[in-house]
Amino acid sequence: MTTRTITTTLQAEPLIDDGDMLLRRALPSAQRTALGPFIFIDHYRHRSQRGIGDRPHPHAGIEVLSYLLEGGVEHRDSLGHVDHLGPGDAQHIRAGRGMLHAEQPAGGRHGLQLWTSLPPDQKLVEPAYASFRAADIPEIVQEGARVRVVAGQVEGVRGPMKLAAPTTLAHVHLDPSATVSLSVDATQELGLYVLDGSLVGSEGAVIGAGALAILTPGDRISITATREHPVDVALLGGLPVEGAVLFSGPFVMDTPERLAQTKRDFASGKMGTLDGVPF
């Protein structure tokens, strides 16, 4: 049994901080392209109905994972889905060869939007949509700790979200000074993103909100909250990303040729339409 430790801590970049919205981006960064299959980590909190992706926009070559801690949002997409998400709900979009969606907040929100890069042989699969209600996401409850397993397996509990490659996503909540020890997949690259509060790092270092802590290999993790406040943390990662990671806005492909074709597919309407977009 080997317990993982923190090897590197990366601070998310505050892209918006205007009193209404705080939007932090932990990946991609100048220091790191991916954590397992995760190539994009956005952490947002806003007070008004102001949205981030409220206008119709496309995605291709990725899976989009959303996890809502607070608030509500309406989802619409070019596949014909209309859905409403609330606190504790999660969403999975397999964009594949391309689709459009839009999200309209019901009010203030706090949550995560994450992208994983589809493996090269699945970049052009048919798009798909799924959502998971808070009541259907299993929890691990220990003294001073609550762990919600959205995807992957943690402490023998498997989450309902199925992705293209082995992937872990869990929400860990700890009371002040609490510690939790959990078994995890030893084959995966894993990290901890601090949503609220602070963790105790190596040699007593404090790791606060907006930090992405990269973990060493191992089959267990141990997480401890500081004495002052509770902490909320996203445990995430998976098998290392496959293929090249080429970004062009909302499109992520593995070759320049595929990226160029994806842009043409969007412009010609092959990804579908939503509210007159792209025409």
Protein backbone atom coordinates (compact mmCIF):
# COMPACT_ATOMS: atom_id res chain seq x y z
CA MET A 1 0.00 0.00 0.00
CA THR A 2 1.42 3.38 -1.06
CA THR A 3 -0.15 6.68 -0.04
CA ARG A 4 0.14 9.42 -2.63
CA THR A 5 1.74 12.73 -1.68
CA ILE A 6 1.65 16.16 -3.28
CA THR A 7 4.50 16.65 -5.72
CA THR A 8 3.57 19.98 -7.36
CA THR A 9 1.03 22.72 -6.69
CA LEU A 10 -0.24 24.90 -9.55
CA GLN A 11 -2.31 28.02 -8.94
CA ALA A 12 -5.32 28.51 -11.20
CA GLU A 13 -5.35 31.73 -13.23
CA PRO A 14 -8.19 34.16 -12.40
CA LEU A 15 -9.64 34.95 -15.85
CA ILE A 16 -12.58 37.00 -14.51
CA ASP A 17 -12.80 38.64 -11.08
CA ASP A 18 -15.18 41.61 -11.26
CA GLY A 19 -17.24 41.40 -8.07
CA ASP A 20 -20.02 39.37 -9.70
CA MET A 21 -18.07 36.49 -11.24
CA LEU A 22 -14.88 34.75 -10.24
CA LEU A 23 -13.65 32.38 -12.95
CA ARG A 24 -10.43 30.45 -12.37
CA ARG A 25 -8.70 28.21 -14.92
CA ALA A 26 -6.32 25.54 -13.62
CA LEU A 27 -5.79 23.76 -16.96
CA PRO A 28 -4.39 24.26 -19.49
CA SER A 29 -1.52 26.26 -18.01
CA ALA A 30 2.02 27.20 -18.94
CA GLN A 31 3.26 24.52 -16.54
CA ARG A 32 1.00 21.63 -17.52
CA THR A 33 -1.20 20.53 -20.43
CA ALA A 34 -3.12 17.66 -18.87
CA LEU A 35 -3.86 15.66 -15.73
CA GLY A 36 -4.81 12.21 -16.91
CA PRO A 37 -7.32 12.88 -19.71
CA PHE A 38 -8.34 16.27 -18.21
CA ILE A 39 -7.14 19.12 -20.41
CA PHE A 40 -9.41 21.91 -19.13
CA ILE A 41 -10.42 22.81 -15.56
CA ASP A 42 -12.64 25.87 -15.07
CA HIS A 43 -13.93 26.75 -11.60
CA TYR A 44 -16.58 29.48 -11.52
CA ARG A 45 -18.79 31.31 -9.03
CA HIS A 46 -21.19 34.12 -9.90
CA ARG A 47 -24.03 35.93 -8.13
CA SER A 48 -26.24 37.08 -11.02
CA GLN A 49 -27.85 35.18 -13.91
CA ARG A 50 -24.80 35.99 -15.99
CA GLY A 51 -23.64 32.94 -17.89
CA ILE A 52 -20.36 31.73 -19.35
CA GLY A 53 -21.64 29.46 -22.13
CA ASP A 54 -25.17 30.86 -22.34
CA ARG A 55 -24.96 31.51 -26.09
CA PRO A 56 -25.00 28.52 -28.48
CA HIS A 57 -21.46 27.29 -29.15
CA PRO A 58 -19.86 24.09 -30.49
CA HIS A 59 -17.54 21.45 -29.06
CA ALA A 60 -15.70 18.59 -30.75
CA GLY A 61 -13.02 16.03 -29.89
CA ILE A 62 -13.71 16.17 -26.14
CA GLU A 63 -16.00 15.11 -23.34
CA VAL A 64 -17.49 17.98 -21.31
CA LEU A 65 -18.13 17.28 -17.62
CA SER A 66 -20.09 19.73 -15.48
CA TYR A 67 -20.55 19.50 -11.71
CA LEU A 68 -22.78 21.98 -9.91
CA LEU A 69 -22.19 22.74 -6.24
CA GLU A 70 -24.74 25.55 -5.96
CA GLY A 71 -27.46 27.09 -8.12
CA GLY A 72 -29.24 25.86 -11.23
CA VAL A 73 -28.91 25.93 -15.01
CA GLU A 74 -30.92 24.97 -18.10
CA HIS A 75 -29.07 22.99 -20.79
CA ARG A 76 -30.09 22.89 -24.48
CA ASP A 77 -28.22 21.26 -27.35
CA SER A 78 -28.31 20.49 -31.06
CA LEU A 79 -29.14 16.86 -30.29
CA GLY A 80 -32.53 18.01 -29.02
CA HIS A 81 -31.91 17.64 -25.29
CA VAL A 82 -33.35 20.11 -22.78
CA ASP A 83 -32.31 19.53 -19.17
CA HIS A 84 -32.29 21.32 -15.83
CA LEU A 85 -29.43 20.83 -13.37
CA GLY A 86 -29.46 21.70 -9.68
CA PRO A 87 -27.05 21.53 -6.72
CA GLY A 88 -25.07 18.29 -6.65
CA ASP A 89 -26.06 17.30 -10.20
CA ALA A 90 -23.50 16.30 -12.84
CA GLN A 91 -23.54 16.32 -16.63
CA HIS A 92 -21.59 14.47 -19.32
CA ILE A 93 -21.44 15.52 -22.97
CA ARG A 94 -19.51 13.36 -25.41
CA ALA A 95 -18.94 15.94 -28.14
CA GLY A 96 -17.15 13.56 -30.50
CA ARG A 97 -17.38 14.75 -34.12
CA GLY A 98 -19.20 17.88 -32.96
CA MET A 99 -22.36 19.32 -31.40
CA LEU A 100 -23.70 22.65 -30.11
CA HIS A 101 -25.04 23.53 -26.68
CA ALA A 102 -26.05 26.49 -24.52
CA GLU A 103 -26.47 26.89 -20.78
CA GLN A 104 -28.73 29.47 -19.14
CA PRO A 105 -28.20 29.97 -15.39
CA ALA A 106 -31.27 30.26 -13.16
CA GLY A 107 -29.33 32.62 -10.89
CA GLY A 108 -26.04 32.52 -9.03
CA ARG A 109 -23.97 29.36 -9.46
CA HIS A 110 -20.85 27.67 -8.16
CA GLY A 111 -19.37 24.78 -10.09
CA LEU A 112 -16.82 23.14 -12.32
CA GLN A 113 -16.63 22.74 -16.08
CA LEU A 114 -14.08 20.14 -17.15
CA TRP A 115 -12.95 18.78 -20.50
CA THR A 116 -11.32 15.44 -21.15
CA SER A 117 -9.62 14.73 -24.48
CA LEU A 118 -11.17 11.83 -26.35
CA PRO A 119 -8.65 9.16 -27.45
CA PRO A 120 -7.63 9.48 -31.14
CA ASP A 121 -9.78 6.53 -32.20
CA GLN A 122 -12.85 8.15 -30.59
CA LYS A 123 -12.37 11.78 -31.66
CA LEU A 124 -15.07 11.50 -34.33
CA VAL A 125 -17.67 9.34 -32.54
CA GLU A 126 -21.32 10.31 -32.52
CA PRO A 127 -22.20 12.92 -29.86
CA ALA A 128 -24.12 11.84 -26.75
CA TYR A 129 -25.59 13.44 -23.62
CA ALA A 130 -26.26 12.22 -20.07
CA SER A 131 -26.98 13.83 -16.71
CA PHE A 132 -26.96 12.50 -13.16
CA ARG A 133 -29.09 13.75 -10.29
CA ALA A 134 -27.55 14.40 -6.89
CA ALA A 135 -29.58 11.57 -5.34
CA ASP A 136 -28.09 9.09 -7.82
CA ILE A 137 -24.44 9.96 -7.10
CA PRO A 138 -23.13 7.56 -4.41
CA GLU A 139 -21.56 8.91 -1.23
CA ILE A 140 -18.90 7.65 1.13
CA VAL A 141 -19.56 8.94 4.64
CA GLN A 142 -16.88 8.81 7.31
CA GLU A 143 -16.35 10.82 10.49
CA GLY A 144 -15.97 14.45 9.44
CA ALA A 145 -15.94 13.53 5.74
CA ARG A 146 -18.32 13.08 2.84
CA VAL A 147 -17.13 11.90 -0.59
CA ARG A 148 -19.41 11.92 -3.66
CA VAL A 149 -18.10 9.67 -6.45
CA VAL A 150 -19.19 11.01 -9.84
CA ALA A 151 -16.90 8.91 -12.08
CA GLY A 152 -14.38 6.15 -11.52
CA GLN A 153 -13.88 4.14 -8.33
CA VAL A 154 -12.90 5.51 -4.92
CA GLU A 155 -12.78 3.37 -1.75
CA GLY A 156 -14.59 0.61 -3.65
CA VAL A 157 -17.49 2.89 -4.64
CA ARG A 158 -18.07 3.44 -8.37
CA GLY A 159 -19.60 6.58 -9.83
CA PRO A 160 -22.37 6.49 -12.46
CA MET A 161 -20.65 8.60 -15.13
CA LYS A 162 -18.94 6.52 -17.83
CA LEU A 163 -16.22 8.13 -19.93
CA ALA A 164 -14.20 7.03 -22.96
CA ALA A 165 -11.14 6.14 -20.87
CA PRO A 166 -10.71 5.28 -17.17
CA THR A 167 -11.36 8.57 -15.37
CA THR A 168 -11.92 9.65 -11.76
CA LEU A 169 -14.01 12.58 -10.54
CA ALA A 170 -15.10 12.89 -6.91
CA HIS A 171 -16.18 15.72 -4.60
CA VAL A 172 -14.61 15.53 -1.14
CA HIS A 173 -16.00 17.61 1.75
CA LEU A 174 -14.14 17.69 5.07
CA ASP A 175 -15.03 19.34 8.36
CA PRO A 176 -12.33 21.53 9.95
CA SER A 177 -9.30 19.41 11.00
CA ALA A 178 -10.85 16.25 9.56
CA THR A 179 -8.79 13.69 7.63
CA VAL A 180 -9.96 11.11 5.12
CA SER A 181 -8.00 8.19 3.68
CA LEU A 182 -9.29 6.62 0.47
CA SER A 183 -8.27 3.82 -1.87
CA VAL A 184 -7.83 4.94 -5.49
CA ASP A 185 -6.79 3.47 -8.84
CA ALA A 186 -3.00 3.12 -8.75
CA THR A 187 -2.73 3.27 -12.56
CA GLN A 188 -4.16 6.79 -12.87
CA GLU A 189 -2.61 10.25 -12.73
CA LEU A 190 -4.52 12.08 -9.98
CA GLY A 191 -4.69 15.53 -8.48
CA LEU A 192 -6.70 17.60 -5.98
CA TYR A 193 -8.33 20.90 -6.95
CA VAL A 194 -9.32 23.02 -3.93
CA LEU A 195 -12.78 24.55 -4.39
CA ASP A 196 -13.25 26.18 -0.96
CA GLY A 197 -11.26 26.24 2.26
CA SER A 198 -7.71 24.91 2.62
CA LEU A 199 -5.84 21.62 2.75
CA VAL A 200 -2.83 20.73 4.85
CA GLY A 201 0.01 19.92 2.48
CA SER A 202 3.44 18.43 3.08
CA GLU A 203 5.34 19.77 6.09
CA GLY A 204 2.26 21.70 7.21
CA ALA A 205 1.97 23.88 4.10
CA VAL A 206 -1.49 25.38 3.53
CA ILE A 207 -3.01 24.80 0.08
CA GLY A 208 -5.91 27.17 -0.53
CA ALA A 209 -8.78 27.61 -2.97
CA GLY A 210 -7.80 27.73 -6.62
CA ALA A 211 -4.82 25.40 -6.22
CA LEU A 212 -4.34 22.21 -8.22
CA ALA A 213 -2.16 19.77 -6.29
CA ILE A 214 -0.58 17.02 -8.43
CA LEU A 215 -0.15 13.70 -6.62
CA THR A 216 2.57 11.08 -6.79
CA PRO A 217 1.65 7.49 -7.78
CA GLY A 218 0.02 5.21 -5.23
CA ASP A 219 -3.12 3.28 -4.34
CA ARG A 220 -4.34 5.54 -1.51
CA ILE A 221 -4.77 9.23 -0.84
CA SER A 222 -4.98 11.06 2.48
CA ILE A 223 -6.58 14.52 2.65
CA THR A 224 -6.64 16.79 5.73
CA ALA A 225 -8.52 20.05 6.22
CA THR A 226 -6.96 22.96 8.09
CA ARG A 227 -8.34 23.79 11.55
CA GLU A 228 -10.07 27.04 10.63
CA HIS A 229 -12.65 26.05 8.00
CA PRO A 230 -14.23 23.09 6.19
CA VAL A 231 -12.77 22.27 2.78
CA ASP A 232 -14.27 21.17 -0.54
CA VAL A 233 -11.95 19.43 -2.99
CA ALA A 234 -12.33 17.82 -6.41
CA LEU A 235 -10.33 14.61 -6.80
CA LEU A 236 -9.75 14.12 -10.51
CA GLY A 237 -7.57 12.39 -13.06
CA GLY A 238 -7.28 9.18 -15.00
CA LEU A 239 -5.07 7.34 -17.44
CA PRO A 240 -2.64 9.68 -19.25
CA VAL A 241 -4.07 11.57 -22.21
CA GLU A 242 -3.66 9.78 -25.55
CA GLY A 243 -2.35 11.51 -28.67
CA ALA A 244 -1.50 15.14 -29.27
CA VAL A 245 -3.67 17.85 -27.69
CA LEU A 246 -4.32 20.57 -30.28
CA PHE A 247 -6.67 23.34 -29.15
CA SER A 248 -8.64 25.68 -31.38
CA GLY A 249 -11.16 27.33 -29.08
CA PRO A 250 -13.86 24.75 -28.28
CA PHE A 251 -12.33 22.12 -30.58
CA VAL A 252 -9.58 19.74 -29.43
CA MET A 253 -8.10 17.33 -31.97
CA ASP A 254 -4.96 15.25 -32.35
CA THR A 255 -3.91 16.37 -35.86
CA PRO A 256 -3.99 19.71 -37.72
CA GLU A 257 -6.00 18.05 -40.50
CA ARG A 258 -8.74 16.94 -38.13
CA LEU A 259 -8.81 20.39 -36.53
CA ALA A 260 -9.26 22.04 -39.94
CA GLN A 261 -12.02 19.58 -40.89
CA THR A 262 -13.80 20.22 -37.58
CA LYS A 263 -13.92 23.94 -38.29
CA ARG A 264 -15.38 23.26 -41.74
CA ASP A 265 -17.95 20.89 -40.27
CA PHE A 266 -19.13 23.53 -37.83
CA ALA A 267 -19.30 26.27 -40.45
CA SER A 268 -21.30 24.05 -42.83
CA GLY A 269 -23.83 23.00 -40.17
CA LYS A 270 -22.75 19.34 -39.96
CA MET A 271 -22.70 19.63 -36.16
CA GLY A 272 -26.34 20.70 -36.18
CA THR A 273 -27.85 24.08 -35.40
CA LEU A 274 -29.12 25.83 -32.27
CA ASP A 275 -30.96 29.16 -32.34
CA GLY A 276 -29.71 29.83 -35.85
CA VAL A 277 -26.07 29.06 -35.06
CA PRO A 278 -23.89 28.63 -37.12
CA PHE A 279 -25.99 30.25 -39.86
